[in-house]
N, C-alpha and C. Protein backbone atom coordinates (compact mmCIF):
# COMPACT_ATOMS: atom_id res chain seq x y z
N UNK A 1 -8.01 -7.85 -7.69
CA UNK A 1 -7.24 -7.96 -6.48
C UNK A 1 -7.51 -6.75 -5.61
N UNK A 2 -7.75 -6.98 -4.35
CA UNK A 2 -8.00 -5.90 -3.41
C UNK A 2 -6.66 -5.34 -2.94
N UNK A 3 -6.51 -4.03 -3.07
CA UNK A 3 -5.27 -3.35 -2.74
C UNK A 3 -5.54 -2.17 -1.84
N UNK A 4 -4.84 -2.10 -0.72
CA UNK A 4 -4.94 -0.95 0.17
C UNK A 4 -3.88 0.06 -0.24
N UNK A 5 -4.31 1.28 -0.49
CA UNK A 5 -3.42 2.35 -0.95
C UNK A 5 -3.19 3.29 0.23
N UNK A 6 -1.99 3.24 0.80
CA UNK A 6 -1.65 4.09 1.94
C UNK A 6 -1.19 5.46 1.46
N UNK A 7 -1.32 6.44 2.35
CA UNK A 7 -0.86 7.82 2.09
C UNK A 7 -1.47 8.41 0.83
N UNK A 8 -2.75 8.17 0.64
CA UNK A 8 -3.43 8.67 -0.56
C UNK A 8 -3.69 10.16 -0.44
N UNK A 9 -3.26 10.89 -1.45
CA UNK A 9 -3.56 12.32 -1.54
C UNK A 9 -4.80 12.51 -2.40
N UNK A 10 -5.61 13.52 -2.09
CA UNK A 10 -6.83 13.73 -2.88
C UNK A 10 -6.57 13.88 -4.38
N UNK A 11 -5.45 14.50 -4.76
CA UNK A 11 -5.19 14.74 -6.18
C UNK A 11 -4.90 13.45 -6.96
N UNK A 12 -4.39 12.42 -6.31
CA UNK A 12 -4.04 11.20 -7.04
C UNK A 12 -5.16 10.17 -7.10
N UNK A 13 -6.15 10.32 -6.26
CA UNK A 13 -7.23 9.34 -6.19
C UNK A 13 -7.94 9.13 -7.54
N UNK A 14 -8.33 10.18 -8.27
CA UNK A 14 -9.00 9.96 -9.56
C UNK A 14 -8.14 9.19 -10.56
N UNK A 15 -6.84 9.46 -10.57
CA UNK A 15 -5.95 8.77 -11.49
C UNK A 15 -5.82 7.30 -11.14
N UNK A 16 -5.71 7.01 -9.85
CA UNK A 16 -5.61 5.62 -9.41
C UNK A 16 -6.91 4.87 -9.70
N UNK A 17 -8.03 5.51 -9.47
CA UNK A 17 -9.32 4.88 -9.75
C UNK A 17 -9.46 4.57 -11.24
N UNK A 18 -9.08 5.50 -12.08
CA UNK A 18 -9.19 5.29 -13.52
C UNK A 18 -8.27 4.15 -13.96
N UNK A 19 -7.05 4.15 -13.47
CA UNK A 19 -6.10 3.10 -13.84
C UNK A 19 -6.49 1.72 -13.33
N UNK A 20 -7.21 1.68 -12.22
CA UNK A 20 -7.59 0.39 -11.64
C UNK A 20 -8.71 -0.30 -12.42
N UNK A 21 -9.45 0.46 -13.21
CA UNK A 21 -10.59 -0.11 -13.95
C UNK A 21 -10.15 -1.16 -14.95
N UNK A 22 -9.09 -0.88 -15.70
CA UNK A 22 -8.67 -1.82 -16.74
C UNK A 22 -8.08 -3.10 -16.14
N UNK A 23 -7.53 -3.02 -14.96
CA UNK A 23 -6.94 -4.20 -14.32
C UNK A 23 -7.88 -4.84 -13.32
N UNK A 24 -9.09 -4.30 -13.21
CA UNK A 24 -10.10 -4.83 -12.29
C UNK A 24 -9.57 -4.92 -10.85
N UNK A 25 -8.94 -3.85 -10.41
CA UNK A 25 -8.44 -3.79 -9.05
C UNK A 25 -9.49 -3.14 -8.16
N UNK A 26 -9.61 -3.64 -6.95
CA UNK A 26 -10.45 -3.00 -5.94
C UNK A 26 -9.51 -2.24 -5.01
N UNK A 27 -9.59 -0.91 -5.06
CA UNK A 27 -8.70 -0.08 -4.25
C UNK A 27 -9.41 0.40 -2.99
N UNK A 28 -8.69 0.30 -1.88
CA UNK A 28 -9.16 0.82 -0.60
C UNK A 28 -8.20 1.95 -0.24
N UNK A 29 -8.69 3.18 -0.25
CA UNK A 29 -7.83 4.33 -0.02
C UNK A 29 -7.72 4.67 1.47
N UNK A 30 -6.49 4.90 1.89
CA UNK A 30 -6.20 5.32 3.26
C UNK A 30 -5.38 6.60 3.19
N UNK A 31 -5.82 7.62 3.89
CA UNK A 31 -5.01 8.84 3.96
C UNK A 31 -3.84 8.64 4.92
N UNK A 32 -3.98 7.71 5.84
CA UNK A 32 -2.92 7.46 6.82
C UNK A 32 -1.73 6.79 6.16
N UNK A 33 -0.56 7.06 6.72
CA UNK A 33 0.67 6.42 6.26
C UNK A 33 0.76 5.02 6.84
N UNK A 34 1.47 4.16 6.14
CA UNK A 34 1.72 2.82 6.65
C UNK A 34 2.72 2.90 7.79
N UNK A 35 2.39 2.23 8.87
CA UNK A 35 3.28 2.13 10.03
C UNK A 35 2.90 0.87 10.79
N UNK A 36 3.65 0.58 11.82
CA UNK A 36 3.35 -0.58 12.64
C UNK A 36 1.93 -0.50 13.20
N UNK A 37 1.47 0.72 13.50
CA UNK A 37 0.15 0.92 14.07
C UNK A 37 -0.98 0.88 13.04
N UNK A 38 -0.65 0.98 11.75
CA UNK A 38 -1.72 1.04 10.75
C UNK A 38 -1.76 -0.18 9.82
N UNK A 39 -0.92 -1.18 10.06
CA UNK A 39 -0.94 -2.35 9.18
C UNK A 39 -2.31 -3.02 9.15
N UNK A 40 -3.03 -2.95 10.25
CA UNK A 40 -4.36 -3.60 10.32
C UNK A 40 -5.34 -3.02 9.30
N UNK A 41 -5.08 -1.82 8.81
CA UNK A 41 -5.97 -1.21 7.81
C UNK A 41 -5.94 -1.96 6.48
N UNK A 42 -4.93 -2.79 6.27
CA UNK A 42 -4.81 -3.56 5.03
C UNK A 42 -5.43 -4.95 5.13
N UNK A 43 -6.03 -5.28 6.25
CA UNK A 43 -6.64 -6.60 6.40
C UNK A 43 -7.68 -6.83 5.31
N UNK A 44 -7.65 -8.02 4.73
CA UNK A 44 -8.58 -8.36 3.65
C UNK A 44 -8.05 -8.05 2.27
N UNK A 45 -6.92 -7.36 2.19
CA UNK A 45 -6.30 -7.05 0.90
C UNK A 45 -5.23 -8.09 0.60
N UNK A 46 -4.90 -8.20 -0.66
CA UNK A 46 -3.79 -9.05 -1.08
C UNK A 46 -2.54 -8.24 -1.38
N UNK A 47 -2.72 -6.91 -1.53
CA UNK A 47 -1.60 -6.04 -1.89
C UNK A 47 -1.74 -4.70 -1.18
N UNK A 48 -0.60 -4.00 -1.09
CA UNK A 48 -0.60 -2.62 -0.60
C UNK A 48 0.17 -1.77 -1.60
N UNK A 49 -0.19 -0.50 -1.63
CA UNK A 49 0.52 0.48 -2.43
C UNK A 49 1.09 1.51 -1.47
N UNK A 50 2.39 1.77 -1.59
CA UNK A 50 3.09 2.64 -0.65
C UNK A 50 3.57 3.92 -1.31
N UNK A 51 3.77 4.94 -0.47
CA UNK A 51 4.33 6.20 -0.93
C UNK A 51 5.61 6.46 -0.14
N UNK A 52 6.29 7.52 -0.44
CA UNK A 52 7.62 7.82 0.08
C UNK A 52 7.75 7.75 1.59
N UNK A 53 6.83 8.32 2.33
CA UNK A 53 6.97 8.39 3.78
C UNK A 53 6.36 7.20 4.52
N UNK A 54 5.90 6.19 3.80
CA UNK A 54 5.38 5.01 4.47
C UNK A 54 6.52 4.19 5.05
N UNK A 55 6.27 3.59 6.20
CA UNK A 55 7.26 2.76 6.88
C UNK A 55 7.21 1.37 6.28
N UNK A 56 8.24 1.01 5.56
CA UNK A 56 8.34 -0.32 4.98
C UNK A 56 9.54 -1.05 5.56
N UNK A 57 9.69 -0.91 6.87
CA UNK A 57 10.77 -1.61 7.58
C UNK A 57 10.44 -3.09 7.65
N UNK A 58 11.42 -3.88 8.02
CA UNK A 58 11.21 -5.33 8.12
C UNK A 58 10.06 -5.65 9.07
N UNK A 59 10.00 -4.97 10.19
CA UNK A 59 8.94 -5.22 11.17
C UNK A 59 7.54 -4.98 10.57
N UNK A 60 7.39 -3.90 9.85
CA UNK A 60 6.09 -3.58 9.24
C UNK A 60 5.77 -4.57 8.13
N UNK A 61 6.75 -4.90 7.30
CA UNK A 61 6.52 -5.84 6.22
C UNK A 61 6.15 -7.23 6.75
N UNK A 62 6.76 -7.63 7.85
CA UNK A 62 6.40 -8.91 8.48
C UNK A 62 4.97 -8.87 8.98
N UNK A 63 4.56 -7.72 9.53
CA UNK A 63 3.18 -7.55 9.98
C UNK A 63 2.20 -7.65 8.82
N UNK A 64 2.56 -7.07 7.69
CA UNK A 64 1.70 -7.16 6.51
C UNK A 64 1.60 -8.61 6.02
N UNK A 65 2.71 -9.31 6.04
CA UNK A 65 2.70 -10.71 5.61
C UNK A 65 1.79 -11.54 6.51
N UNK A 66 1.81 -11.26 7.80
CA UNK A 66 0.99 -12.00 8.75
C UNK A 66 -0.51 -11.85 8.49
N UNK A 67 -0.92 -10.72 7.91
CA UNK A 67 -2.35 -10.52 7.63
C UNK A 67 -2.70 -10.87 6.19
N UNK A 68 -1.75 -11.45 5.45
CA UNK A 68 -2.06 -11.96 4.12
C UNK A 68 -1.62 -11.12 2.94
N UNK A 69 -0.87 -10.06 3.16
CA UNK A 69 -0.37 -9.24 2.06
C UNK A 69 0.72 -10.01 1.32
N UNK A 70 0.58 -10.10 0.00
CA UNK A 70 1.54 -10.84 -0.82
C UNK A 70 2.27 -9.96 -1.83
N UNK A 71 1.74 -8.76 -2.08
CA UNK A 71 2.32 -7.88 -3.10
C UNK A 71 2.46 -6.46 -2.56
N UNK A 72 3.52 -5.80 -3.01
CA UNK A 72 3.75 -4.40 -2.64
C UNK A 72 4.00 -3.62 -3.93
N UNK A 73 3.23 -2.55 -4.11
CA UNK A 73 3.45 -1.63 -5.22
C UNK A 73 3.88 -0.30 -4.63
N UNK A 74 4.82 0.35 -5.25
CA UNK A 74 5.27 1.63 -4.73
C UNK A 74 4.96 2.74 -5.73
N UNK A 75 4.54 3.87 -5.22
CA UNK A 75 4.26 5.05 -6.03
C UNK A 75 5.39 6.05 -5.86
N UNK A 76 6.61 5.57 -6.00
CA UNK A 76 7.80 6.40 -5.80
C UNK A 76 8.81 6.12 -6.91
N UNK A 77 9.82 6.96 -6.95
CA UNK A 77 10.89 6.79 -7.94
C UNK A 77 11.86 5.68 -7.51
N UNK A 78 12.07 5.53 -6.22
CA UNK A 78 13.04 4.55 -5.73
C UNK A 78 12.42 3.62 -4.71
N UNK A 79 13.25 2.75 -4.19
CA UNK A 79 12.78 1.78 -3.19
C UNK A 79 13.63 1.84 -1.91
N UNK A 80 14.36 2.92 -1.72
CA UNK A 80 15.24 3.01 -0.56
C UNK A 80 14.48 3.07 0.76
N UNK A 81 13.17 3.29 0.71
CA UNK A 81 12.35 3.32 1.92
C UNK A 81 11.76 1.95 2.25
N UNK A 82 12.08 0.95 1.41
CA UNK A 82 11.56 -0.40 1.60
C UNK A 82 12.71 -1.33 1.99
N UNK A 83 12.52 -2.08 3.07
CA UNK A 83 13.52 -3.04 3.50
C UNK A 83 13.47 -4.24 2.54
N UNK A 84 14.31 -4.20 1.54
CA UNK A 84 14.33 -5.22 0.49
C UNK A 84 14.78 -6.58 1.05
N UNK A 85 15.69 -6.56 1.97
CA UNK A 85 16.18 -7.83 2.55
C UNK A 85 15.07 -8.56 3.24
């Protein structure tokens, strides 16, 4: 599954790459944070991976759905930054 990883820090990239091998994930790394202006960077992916400061408001999530995103993975302890409703 192709997954766009937003807000990627250089230190986490090797760990994500190693972990993706066993699950046969194709990761596309973006240093930019997810926002209304950057949703287009996930085009062609089926999933996105978010970090704490990514915008996961309803508007952004609807934009992701429009381009075919079906799954969201978070690299955080909580989900309070994601509009669950």
